[in-house]
Amino acid sequence: VAVTTNGGSTNYAESAKGRFTISRDNAENTVYLQMNSLKPED
């Protein structure tokens, strides 16, 4: 669906572009996926 590198680069599947956002909190060793405009096919 989405990936983020240690350098901060991100990449998304076509189905996720414009709706999903991946982010990372390195201090908390946590990665997030914000999903908006969700569809049944998600």
PDB file of all heavy atoms in Angstrom:
ATOM      1  N   VAL A   1       0.837  -1.201   0.000  1.00  0.00           N
ATOM      2  CA  VAL A   1       0.000   0.000   0.000  1.00  0.00           C
ATOM      3  C   VAL A   1       0.875   1.255   0.000  1.00  0.00           C
ATOM      4  O   VAL A   1       0.687   2.163  -0.804  1.00  0.00           O
ATOM      5  CB  VAL A   1      -0.931   0.015   1.219  1.00  0.00           C
ATOM      6  CG1 VAL A   1      -1.716   1.318   1.275  1.00  0.00           C
ATOM      7  CG2 VAL A   1      -1.871  -1.182   1.201  1.00  0.00           C
ATOM      8  N   ALA A   2       1.830   1.292   0.924  1.00  0.00           N
ATOM      9  CA  ALA A   2       2.692   2.465   1.035  1.00  0.00           C
ATOM     10  C   ALA A   2       3.954   2.079   1.784  1.00  0.00           C
ATOM     11  O   ALA A   2       3.946   1.150   2.596  1.00  0.00           O
ATOM     12  CB  ALA A   2       1.985   3.601   1.754  1.00  0.00           C
ATOM     13  N   VAL A   3       5.035   2.798   1.496  1.00  0.00           N
ATOM     14  CA  VAL A   3       6.299   2.532   2.161  1.00  0.00           C
ATOM     15  C   VAL A   3       7.030   3.856   2.360  1.00  0.00           C
ATOM     16  O   VAL A   3       6.886   4.788   1.552  1.00  0.00           O
ATOM     17  CB  VAL A   3       7.160   1.546   1.344  1.00  0.00           C
ATOM     18  CG1 VAL A   3       7.525   2.124  -0.007  1.00  0.00           C
ATOM     19  CG2 VAL A   3       8.391   1.114   2.126  1.00  0.00           C
ATOM     20  N   THR A   4       7.792   3.929   3.453  1.00  0.00           N
ATOM     21  CA  THR A   4       8.624   5.102   3.711  1.00  0.00           C
ATOM     22  C   THR A   4      10.008   4.639   4.144  1.00  0.00           C
ATOM     23  O   THR A   4      10.128   3.732   4.969  1.00  0.00           O
ATOM     24  CB  THR A   4       7.991   6.023   4.767  1.00  0.00           C
ATOM     25  OG1 THR A   4       8.864   7.142   5.010  1.00  0.00           O
ATOM     26  CG2 THR A   4       7.728   5.303   6.078  1.00  0.00           C
ATOM     27  N   THR A   5      11.033   5.256   3.587  1.00  0.00           N
ATOM     28  CA  THR A   5      12.399   4.865   3.901  1.00  0.00           C
ATOM     29  C   THR A   5      12.939   5.663   5.081  1.00  0.00           C
ATOM     30  O   THR A   5      12.335   6.663   5.514  1.00  0.00           O
ATOM     31  CB  THR A   5      13.317   5.100   2.697  1.00  0.00           C
ATOM     32  OG1 THR A   5      13.432   6.523   2.483  1.00  0.00           O
ATOM     33  CG2 THR A   5      12.772   4.445   1.441  1.00  0.00           C
ATOM     34  N   ASN A   6      14.075   5.242   5.581  1.00  0.00           N
ATOM     35  CA  ASN A   6      14.725   5.980   6.675  1.00  0.00           C
ATOM     36  C   ASN A   6      15.075   7.401   6.245  1.00  0.00           C
ATOM     37  O   ASN A   6      15.121   8.313   7.076  1.00  0.00           O
ATOM     38  CB  ASN A   6      15.984   5.263   7.129  1.00  0.00           C
ATOM     39  CG  ASN A   6      15.688   3.994   7.895  1.00  0.00           C
ATOM     40  OD1 ASN A   6      14.536   3.655   8.141  1.00  0.00           O
ATOM     41  ND2 ASN A   6      16.731   3.271   8.260  1.00  0.00           N
ATOM     42  N   GLY A   7      15.275   7.584   4.946  1.00  0.00           N
ATOM     43  CA  GLY A   7      15.602   8.912   4.434  1.00  0.00           C
ATOM     44  C   GLY A   7      14.401   9.805   4.209  1.00  0.00           C
ATOM     45  O   GLY A   7      14.554  10.981   3.869  1.00  0.00           O
ATOM     46  N   GLY A   8      13.212   9.236   4.400  1.00  0.00           N
ATOM     47  CA  GLY A   8      12.001  10.040   4.276  1.00  0.00           C
ATOM     48  C   GLY A   8      11.284   9.919   2.946  1.00  0.00           C
ATOM     49  O   GLY A   8      10.233  10.526   2.753  1.00  0.00           O
ATOM     50  N   SER A   9      11.827   9.139   2.031  1.00  0.00           N
ATOM     51  CA  SER A   9      11.126   8.932   0.758  1.00  0.00           C
ATOM     52  C   SER A   9       9.886   8.080   0.978  1.00  0.00           C
ATOM     53  O   SER A   9       9.858   7.227   1.854  1.00  0.00           O
ATOM     54  CB  SER A   9      12.047   8.246  -0.245  1.00  0.00           C
ATOM     55  OG  SER A   9      13.189   9.024  -0.501  1.00  0.00           O
ATOM     56  N   THR A  10       8.869   8.344   0.181  1.00  0.00           N
ATOM     57  CA  THR A  10       7.632   7.572   0.278  1.00  0.00           C
ATOM     58  C   THR A  10       7.222   7.071  -1.095  1.00  0.00           C
ATOM     59  O   THR A  10       7.567   7.670  -2.121  1.00  0.00           O
ATOM     60  CB  THR A  10       6.488   8.405   0.868  1.00  0.00           C
ATOM     61  OG1 THR A  10       6.272   9.556   0.043  1.00  0.00           O
ATOM     62  CG2 THR A  10       6.806   8.858   2.279  1.00  0.00           C
ATOM     63  N   ASN A  11       6.471   5.996  -1.085  1.00  0.00           N
ATOM     64  CA  ASN A  11       5.953   5.444  -2.324  1.00  0.00           C
ATOM     65  C   ASN A  11       4.595   4.830  -2.023  1.00  0.00           C
ATOM     66  O   ASN A  11       4.406   4.232  -0.954  1.00  0.00           O
ATOM     67  CB  ASN A  11       6.902   4.385  -2.892  1.00  0.00           C
ATOM     68  CG  ASN A  11       6.625   4.090  -4.344  1.00  0.00           C
ATOM     69  OD1 ASN A  11       6.054   4.923  -5.049  1.00  0.00           O
ATOM     70  ND2 ASN A  11       7.042   2.930  -4.802  1.00  0.00           N
ATOM     71  N   TYR A  12       3.675   4.990  -2.966  1.00  0.00           N
ATOM     72  CA  TYR A  12       2.308   4.531  -2.763  1.00  0.00           C
ATOM     73  C   TYR A  12       1.840   3.680  -3.927  1.00  0.00           C
ATOM     74  O   TYR A  12       2.219   3.913  -5.077  1.00  0.00           O
ATOM     75  CB  TYR A  12       1.358   5.730  -2.642  1.00  0.00           C
ATOM     76  CG  TYR A  12       1.586   6.598  -1.438  1.00  0.00           C
ATOM     77  CD1 TYR A  12       2.449   7.685  -1.499  1.00  0.00           C
ATOM     78  CD2 TYR A  12       0.917   6.338  -0.242  1.00  0.00           C
ATOM     79  CE1 TYR A  12       2.660   8.494  -0.395  1.00  0.00           C
ATOM     80  CE2 TYR A  12       1.119   7.144   0.872  1.00  0.00           C
ATOM     81  CZ  TYR A  12       1.993   8.217   0.788  1.00  0.00           C
ATOM     82  OH  TYR A  12       2.195   9.012   1.887  1.00  0.00           O
ATOM     83  N   ALA A  13       0.974   2.731  -3.616  1.00  0.00           N
ATOM     84  CA  ALA A  13       0.260   2.027  -4.665  1.00  0.00           C
ATOM     85  C   ALA A  13      -0.687   3.009  -5.340  1.00  0.00           C
ATOM     86  O   ALA A  13      -1.130   3.988  -4.720  1.00  0.00           O
ATOM     87  CB  ALA A  13      -0.527   0.867  -4.069  1.00  0.00           C
ATOM     88  N   GLU A  14      -0.992   2.746  -6.600  1.00  0.00           N
ATOM     89  CA  GLU A  14      -1.882   3.655  -7.330  1.00  0.00           C
ATOM     90  C   GLU A  14      -3.220   3.815  -6.610  1.00  0.00           C
ATOM     91  O   GLU A  14      -3.787   4.909  -6.578  1.00  0.00           O
ATOM     92  CB  GLU A  14      -2.092   3.127  -8.746  1.00  0.00           C
ATOM     93  CG  GLU A  14      -0.924   3.354  -9.690  1.00  0.00           C
ATOM     94  CD  GLU A  14      -0.618   4.827  -9.897  1.00  0.00           C
ATOM     95  OE1 GLU A  14      -1.585   5.620  -9.992  1.00  0.00           O
ATOM     96  OE2 GLU A  14       0.572   5.181  -9.960  1.00  0.00           O
ATOM     97  N   SER A  15      -3.704   2.743  -6.033  1.00  0.00           N
ATOM     98  CA  SER A  15      -5.003   2.780  -5.359  1.00  0.00           C
ATOM     99  C   SER A  15      -4.990   3.644  -4.113  1.00  0.00           C
ATOM    100  O   SER A  15      -6.039   4.060  -3.624  1.00  0.00           O
ATOM    101  CB  SER A  15      -5.430   1.362  -4.992  1.00  0.00           C
ATOM    102  OG  SER A  15      -4.483   0.767  -4.122  1.00  0.00           O
ATOM    103  N   ALA A  16      -3.795   3.928  -3.582  1.00  0.00           N
ATOM    104  CA  ALA A  16      -3.669   4.691  -2.349  1.00  0.00           C
ATOM    105  C   ALA A  16      -3.332   6.169  -2.583  1.00  0.00           C
ATOM    106  O   ALA A  16      -3.553   7.004  -1.700  1.00  0.00           O
ATOM    107  CB  ALA A  16      -2.591   4.074  -1.455  1.00  0.00           C
ATOM    108  N   LYS A  17      -2.835   6.467  -3.736  1.00  0.00           N
ATOM    109  CA  LYS A  17      -2.401   7.844  -4.022  1.00  0.00           C
ATOM    110  C   LYS A  17      -3.569   8.831  -3.902  1.00  0.00           C
ATOM    111  O   LYS A  17      -4.647   8.599  -4.428  1.00  0.00           O
ATOM    112  CB  LYS A  17      -1.788   7.916  -5.419  1.00  0.00           C
ATOM    113  CG  LYS A  17      -0.430   7.261  -5.521  1.00  0.00           C
ATOM    114  CD  LYS A  17       0.132   7.381  -6.930  1.00  0.00           C
ATOM    115  CE  LYS A  17       1.505   6.715  -7.008  1.00  0.00           C
ATOM    116  NZ  LYS A  17       2.057   6.773  -8.389  1.00  0.00           N
ATOM    117  N   GLY A  18      -3.313   9.902  -3.191  1.00  0.00           N
ATOM    118  CA  GLY A  18      -4.315  10.939  -3.016  1.00  0.00           C
ATOM    119  C   GLY A  18      -5.292  10.696  -1.883  1.00  0.00           C
ATOM    120  O   GLY A  18      -6.041  11.602  -1.503  1.00  0.00           O
ATOM    121  N   ARG A  19      -5.293   9.479  -1.347  1.00  0.00           N
ATOM    122  CA  ARG A  19      -6.217   9.161  -0.252  1.00  0.00           C
ATOM    123  C   ARG A  19      -5.490   8.752   1.025  1.00  0.00           C
ATOM    124  O   ARG A  19      -5.967   9.026   2.126  1.00  0.00           O
ATOM    125  CB  ARG A  19      -7.168   8.038  -0.668  1.00  0.00           C
ATOM    126  CG  ARG A  19      -8.031   8.359  -1.871  1.00  0.00           C
ATOM    127  CD  ARG A  19      -9.087   7.266  -2.093  1.00  0.00           C
ATOM    128  NE  ARG A  19      -8.481   5.962  -2.333  1.00  0.00           N
ATOM    129  CZ  ARG A  19      -8.807   4.852  -1.669  1.00  0.00           C
ATOM    130  NH1 ARG A  19      -9.717   4.898  -0.711  1.00  0.00           N
ATOM    131  NH2 ARG A  19      -8.201   3.700  -1.957  1.00  0.00           N
ATOM    132  N   PHE A  20      -4.382   8.057   0.875  1.00  0.00           N
ATOM    133  CA  PHE A  20      -3.643   7.543   2.028  1.00  0.00           C
ATOM    134  C   PHE A  20      -2.341   8.325   2.196  1.00  0.00           C
ATOM    135  O   PHE A  20      -1.724   8.744   1.206  1.00  0.00           O
ATOM    136  CB  PHE A  20      -3.294   6.069   1.836  1.00  0.00           C
ATOM    137  CG  PHE A  20      -4.478   5.137   1.791  1.00  0.00           C
ATOM    138  CD1 PHE A  20      -5.778   5.592   1.887  1.00  0.00           C
ATOM    139  CD2 PHE A  20      -4.262   3.768   1.652  1.00  0.00           C
ATOM    140  CE1 PHE A  20      -6.855   4.723   1.843  1.00  0.00           C
ATOM    141  CE2 PHE A  20      -5.328   2.886   1.614  1.00  0.00           C
ATOM    142  CZ  PHE A  20      -6.624   3.368   1.692  1.00  0.00           C
ATOM    143  N   THR A  21      -1.923   8.477   3.442  1.00  0.00           N
ATOM    144  CA  THR A  21      -0.648   9.131   3.740  1.00  0.00           C
ATOM    145  C   THR A  21       0.114   8.304   4.760  1.00  0.00           C
ATOM    146  O   THR A  21      -0.419   8.005   5.834  1.00  0.00           O
ATOM    147  CB  THR A  21      -0.861  10.543   4.287  1.00  0.00           C
ATOM    148  OG1 THR A  21      -1.605  11.319   3.349  1.00  0.00           O
ATOM    149  CG2 THR A  21       0.481  11.226   4.531  1.00  0.00           C
ATOM    150  N   ILE A  22       1.342   7.967   4.422  1.00  0.00           N
ATOM    151  CA  ILE A  22       2.201   7.254   5.358  1.00  0.00           C
ATOM    152  C   ILE A  22       3.129   8.256   6.021  1.00  0.00           C
ATOM    153  O   ILE A  22       3.630   9.186   5.374  1.00  0.00           O
ATOM    154  CB  ILE A  22       2.990   6.125   4.653  1.00  0.00           C
ATOM    155  CG1 ILE A  22       3.697   5.237   5.678  1.00  0.00           C
ATOM    156  CG2 ILE A  22       3.963   6.678   3.612  1.00  0.00           C
ATOM    157  CD1 ILE A  22       4.273   3.955   5.088  1.00  0.00           C
ATOM    158  N   SER A  23       3.328   8.094   7.312  1.00  0.00           N
ATOM    159  CA  SER A  23       4.231   8.971   8.045  1.00  0.00           C
ATOM    160  C   SER A  23       4.941   8.167   9.127  1.00  0.00           C
ATOM    161  O   SER A  23       4.519   7.045   9.456  1.00  0.00           O
ATOM    162  CB  SER A  23       3.473  10.153   8.654  1.00  0.00           C
ATOM    163  OG  SER A  23       2.491   9.712   9.565  1.00  0.00           O
ATOM    164  N   ARG A  24       5.963   8.765   9.664  1.00  0.00           N
ATOM    165  CA  ARG A  24       6.801   8.016  10.596  1.00  0.00           C
ATOM    166  C   ARG A  24       7.289   8.932  11.707  1.00  0.00           C
ATOM    167  O   ARG A  24       7.664  10.077  11.449  1.00  0.00           O
ATOM    168  CB  ARG A  24       7.984   7.424   9.823  1.00  0.00           C
ATOM    169  CG  ARG A  24       8.794   6.376  10.530  1.00  0.00           C
ATOM    170  CD  ARG A  24       9.693   5.704   9.509  1.00  0.00           C
ATOM    171  NE  ARG A  24      10.711   4.892  10.136  1.00  0.00           N
ATOM    172  CZ  ARG A  24      11.669   4.252   9.470  1.00  0.00           C
ATOM    173  NH1 ARG A  24      11.716   4.332   8.160  1.00  0.00           N
ATOM    174  NH2 ARG A  24      12.558   3.532  10.117  1.00  0.00           N
ATOM    175  N   ASP A  25       7.248   8.429  12.914  1.00  0.00           N
ATOM    176  CA  ASP A  25       7.797   9.123  14.077  1.00  0.00           C
ATOM    177  C   ASP A  25       8.998   8.310  14.527  1.00  0.00           C
ATOM    178  O   ASP A  25       8.853   7.301  15.215  1.00  0.00           O
ATOM    179  CB  ASP A  25       6.739   9.227  15.170  1.00  0.00           C
ATOM    180  CG  ASP A  25       7.229  10.020  16.377  1.00  0.00           C
ATOM    181  OD1 ASP A  25       8.453  10.121  16.581  1.00  0.00           O
ATOM    182  OD2 ASP A  25       6.373  10.509  17.115  1.00  0.00           O
ATOM    183  N   ASN A  26      10.172   8.739  14.134  1.00  0.00           N
ATOM    184  CA  ASN A  26      11.369   7.960  14.438  1.00  0.00           C
ATOM    185  C   ASN A  26      11.665   7.917  15.929  1.00  0.00           C
ATOM    186  O   ASN A  26      12.200   6.925  16.434  1.00  0.00           O
ATOM    187  CB  ASN A  26      12.566   8.522  13.679  1.00  0.00           C
ATOM    188  CG  ASN A  26      12.461   8.289  12.191  1.00  0.00           C
ATOM    189  OD1 ASN A  26      12.013   7.240  11.749  1.00  0.00           O
ATOM    190  ND2 ASN A  26      12.872   9.271  11.400  1.00  0.00           N
ATOM    191  N   ALA A  27      11.307   8.981  16.632  1.00  0.00           N
ATOM    192  CA  ALA A  27      11.555   9.001  18.074  1.00  0.00           C
ATOM    193  C   ALA A  27      10.738   7.948  18.802  1.00  0.00           C
ATOM    194  O   ALA A  27      11.160   7.418  19.830  1.00  0.00           O
ATOM    195  CB  ALA A  27      11.248  10.387  18.628  1.00  0.00           C
ATOM    196  N   GLU A  28       9.557   7.646  18.245  1.00  0.00           N
ATOM    197  CA  GLU A  28       8.660   6.660  18.862  1.00  0.00           C
ATOM    198  C   GLU A  28       8.694   5.324  18.132  1.00  0.00           C
ATOM    199  O   GLU A  28       7.941   4.416  18.495  1.00  0.00           O
ATOM    200  CB  GLU A  28       7.223   7.195  18.869  1.00  0.00           C
ATOM    201  CG  GLU A  28       7.055   8.484  19.670  1.00  0.00           C
ATOM    202  CD  GLU A  28       7.276   8.269  21.155  1.00  0.00           C
ATOM    203  OE1 GLU A  28       7.038   7.138  21.650  1.00  0.00           O
ATOM    204  OE2 GLU A  28       7.692   9.228  21.839  1.00  0.00           O
ATOM    205  N   ASN A  29       9.559   5.219  17.107  1.00  0.00           N
ATOM    206  CA  ASN A  29       9.647   3.972  16.315  1.00  0.00           C
ATOM    207  C   ASN A  29       8.269   3.540  15.817  1.00  0.00           C
ATOM    208  O   ASN A  29       7.906   2.361  15.882  1.00  0.00           O
ATOM    209  CB  ASN A  29      10.288   2.853  17.140  1.00  0.00           C
ATOM    210  CG  ASN A  29      11.708   3.172  17.529  1.00  0.00           C
ATOM    211  OD1 ASN A  29      12.470   3.723  16.733  1.00  0.00           O
ATOM    212  ND2 ASN A  29      12.070   2.862  18.763  1.00  0.00           N
ATOM    213  N   THR A  30       7.511   4.509  15.346  1.00  0.00           N
ATOM    214  CA  THR A  30       6.139   4.271  14.946  1.00  0.00           C
ATOM    215  C   THR A  30       5.912   4.751  13.515  1.00  0.00           C
ATOM    216  O   THR A  30       6.404   5.809  13.133  1.00  0.00           O
ATOM    217  CB  THR A  30       5.162   4.996  15.884  1.00  0.00           C
ATOM    218  OG1 THR A  30       5.383   4.532  17.226  1.00  0.00           O
ATOM    219  CG2 THR A  30       3.718   4.732  15.501  1.00  0.00           C
ATOM    220  N   VAL A  31       5.171   3.963  12.764  1.00  0.00           N
ATOM    221  CA  VAL A  31       4.753   4.365  11.430  1.00  0.00           C
ATOM    222  C   VAL A  31       3.228   4.389  11.397  1.00  0.00           C
ATOM    223  O   VAL A  31       2.568   3.559  12.043  1.00  0.00           O
ATOM    224  CB  VAL A  31       5.325   3.414  10.346  1.00  0.00           C
ATOM    225  CG1 VAL A  31       4.791   2.002  10.495  1.00  0.00           C
ATOM    226  CG2 VAL A  31       5.082   3.962   8.956  1.00  0.00           C
ATOM    227  N   TYR A  32       2.707   5.372  10.703  1.00  0.00           N
ATOM    228  CA  TYR A  32       1.261   5.568  10.624  1.00  0.00           C
ATOM    229  C   TYR A  32       0.792   5.455   9.172  1.00  0.00           C
ATOM    230  O   TYR A  32       1.546   5.715   8.242  1.00  0.00           O
ATOM    231  CB  TYR A  32       0.882   6.954  11.139  1.00  0.00           C
ATOM    232  CG  TYR A  32       1.321   7.234  12.547  1.00  0.00           C
ATOM    233  CD1 TYR A  32       2.491   7.930  12.808  1.00  0.00           C
ATOM    234  CD2 TYR A  32       0.551   6.809  13.630  1.00  0.00           C
ATOM    235  CE1 TYR A  32       2.904   8.197  14.096  1.00  0.00           C
ATOM    236  CE2 TYR A  32       0.959   7.073  14.935  1.00  0.00           C
ATOM    237  CZ  TYR A  32       2.124   7.764  15.157  1.00  0.00           C
ATOM    238  OH  TYR A  32       2.527   8.025  16.445  1.00  0.00           O
ATOM    239  N   LEU A  33      -0.468   5.091   9.035  1.00  0.00           N
ATOM    240  CA  LEU A  33      -1.118   5.143   7.730  1.00  0.00           C
ATOM    241  C   LEU A  33      -2.458   5.848   7.925  1.00  0.00           C
ATOM    242  O   LEU A  33      -3.372   5.287   8.525  1.00  0.00           O
ATOM    243  CB  LEU A  33      -1.321   3.757   7.129  1.00  0.00           C
ATOM    244  CG  LEU A  33      -1.896   3.750   5.716  1.00  0.00           C
ATOM    245  CD1 LEU A  33      -0.879   4.328   4.722  1.00  0.00           C
ATOM    246  CD2 LEU A  33      -2.305   2.337   5.287  1.00  0.00           C
ATOM    247  N   GLN A  34      -2.533   7.074   7.456  1.00  0.00           N
ATOM    248  CA  GLN A  34      -3.775   7.823   7.485  1.00  0.00           C
ATOM    249  C   GLN A  34      -4.552   7.506   6.218  1.00  0.00           C
ATOM    250  O   GLN A  34      -4.058   7.718   5.112  1.00  0.00           O
ATOM    251  CB  GLN A  34      -3.509   9.327   7.562  1.00  0.00           C
ATOM    252  CG  GLN A  34      -4.760  10.189   7.535  1.00  0.00           C
ATOM    253  CD  GLN A  34      -5.613  10.008   8.767  1.00  0.00           C
ATOM    254  OE1 GLN A  34      -5.111   9.975   9.889  1.00  0.00           O
ATOM    255  NE2 GLN A  34      -6.929   9.904   8.572  1.00  0.00           N
ATOM    256  N   MET A  35      -5.741   6.980   6.390  1.00  0.00           N
ATOM    257  CA  MET A  35      -6.557   6.569   5.255  1.00  0.00           C
ATOM    258  C   MET A  35      -7.829   7.398   5.218  1.00  0.00           C
ATOM    259  O   MET A  35      -8.622   7.360   6.167  1.00  0.00           O
ATOM    260  CB  MET A  35      -6.900   5.083   5.356  1.00  0.00           C
ATOM    261  CG  MET A  35      -5.681   4.180   5.479  1.00  0.00           C
ATOM    262  SD  MET A  35      -6.073   2.429   5.427  1.00  0.00           S
ATOM    263  CE  MET A  35      -6.980   2.246   6.961  1.00  0.00           C
ATOM    264  N   ASN A  36      -8.002   8.154   4.159  1.00  0.00           N
ATOM    265  CA  ASN A  36      -9.180   8.998   3.975  1.00  0.00           C
ATOM    266  C   ASN A  36      -9.981   8.520   2.763  1.00  0.00           C
ATOM    267  O   ASN A  36      -9.479   7.767   1.924  1.00  0.00           O
ATOM    268  CB  ASN A  36      -8.754  10.447   3.771  1.00  0.00           C
ATOM    269  CG  ASN A  36      -8.000  11.010   4.958  1.00  0.00           C
ATOM    270  OD1 ASN A  36      -8.253  10.661   6.104  1.00  0.00           O
ATOM    271  ND2 ASN A  36      -7.064  11.917   4.680  1.00  0.00           N
ATOM    272  N   SER A  37     -11.199   8.979   2.678  1.00  0.00           N
ATOM    273  CA  SER A  37     -12.078   8.629   1.551  1.00  0.00           C
ATOM    274  C   SER A  37     -12.090   7.131   1.309  1.00  0.00           C
ATOM    275  O   SER A  37     -11.931   6.658   0.172  1.00  0.00           O
ATOM    276  CB  SER A  37     -11.619   9.376   0.285  1.00  0.00           C
ATOM    277  OG  SER A  37     -11.614  10.764   0.493  1.00  0.00           O
ATOM    278  N   LEU A  38     -12.273   6.393   2.363  1.00  0.00           N
ATOM    279  CA  LEU A  38     -12.211   4.934   2.258  1.00  0.00           C
ATOM    280  C   LEU A  38     -13.343   4.378   1.401  1.00  0.00           C
ATOM    281  O   LEU A  38     -14.466   4.920   1.391  1.00  0.00           O
ATOM    282  CB  LEU A  38     -12.241   4.305   3.643  1.00  0.00           C
ATOM    283  CG  LEU A  38     -10.905   4.391   4.387  1.00  0.00           C
ATOM    284  CD1 LEU A  38     -11.093   4.171   5.881  1.00  0.00           C
ATOM    285  CD2 LEU A  38      -9.928   3.369   3.819  1.00  0.00           C
ATOM    286  N   LYS A  39     -13.032   3.298   0.692  1.00  0.00           N
ATOM    287  CA  LYS A  39     -13.980   2.643  -0.204  1.00  0.00           C
ATOM    288  C   LYS A  39     -14.160   1.194   0.243  1.00  0.00           C
ATOM    289  O   LYS A  39     -13.264   0.624   0.881  1.00  0.00           O
ATOM    290  CB  LYS A  39     -13.431   2.657  -1.635  1.00  0.00           C
ATOM    291  CG  LYS A  39     -13.059   4.028  -2.154  1.00  0.00           C
ATOM    292  CD  LYS A  39     -12.398   3.922  -3.526  1.00  0.00           C
ATOM    293  CE  LYS A  39     -11.968   5.285  -4.048  1.00  0.00           C
ATOM    294  NZ  LYS A  39     -11.305   5.185  -5.371  1.00  0.00           N
ATOM    295  N   PRO A  40     -15.270   0.579  -0.107  1.00  0.00           N
ATOM    296  CA  PRO A  40     -15.456  -0.836   0.252  1.00  0.00           C
ATOM    297  C   PRO A  40     -14.313  -1.724  -0.241  1.00  0.00           C
ATOM    298  O   PRO A  40     -13.955  -2.694   0.436  1.00  0.00           O
ATOM    299  CB  PRO A  40     -16.780  -1.183  -0.430  1.00  0.00           C
ATOM    300  CG  PRO A  40     -17.531   0.104  -0.447  1.00  0.00           C
ATOM    301  CD  PRO A  40     -16.487   1.156  -0.704  1.00  0.00           C
ATOM    302  N   GLU A  41     -13.720  -1.385  -1.365  1.00  0.00           N
ATOM    303  CA  GLU A  41     -12.620  -2.195  -1.893  1.00  0.00           C
ATOM    304  C   GLU A  41     -11.332  -2.037  -1.094  1.00  0.00           C
ATOM    305  O   GLU A  41     -10.354  -2.753  -1.350  1.00  0.00           O
ATOM    306  CB  GLU A  41     -12.359  -1.877  -3.374  1.00  0.00           C
ATOM    307  CG  GLU A  41     -12.217  -0.406  -3.680  1.00  0.00           C
ATOM    308  CD  GLU A  41     -13.511   0.212  -4.183  1.00  0.00           C
ATOM    309  OE1 GLU A  41     -14.584  -0.074  -3.598  1.00  0.00           O
ATOM    310  OE2 GLU A  41     -13.432   1.007  -5.150  1.00  0.00           O
ATOM    311  N   ASP A  42     -11.309  -1.133  -0.136  1.00  0.00           N
ATOM    312  CA  ASP A  42     -10.165  -1.035   0.773  1.00  0.00           C
ATOM    313  C   ASP A  42     -10.244  -2.055   1.911  1.00  0.00           C
ATOM    314  O   ASP A  42      -9.305  -2.177   2.698  1.00  0.00           O
ATOM    315  CB  ASP A  42     -10.076   0.373   1.374  1.00  0.00           C
ATOM    316  CG  ASP A  42      -9.771   1.438   0.342  1.00  0.00           C
ATOM    317  OD1 ASP A  42      -8.914   1.190  -0.526  1.00  0.00           O
ATOM    318  OD2 ASP A  42     -10.402   2.512   0.405  1.00  0.00           O
TER     319      ASP A  42
END
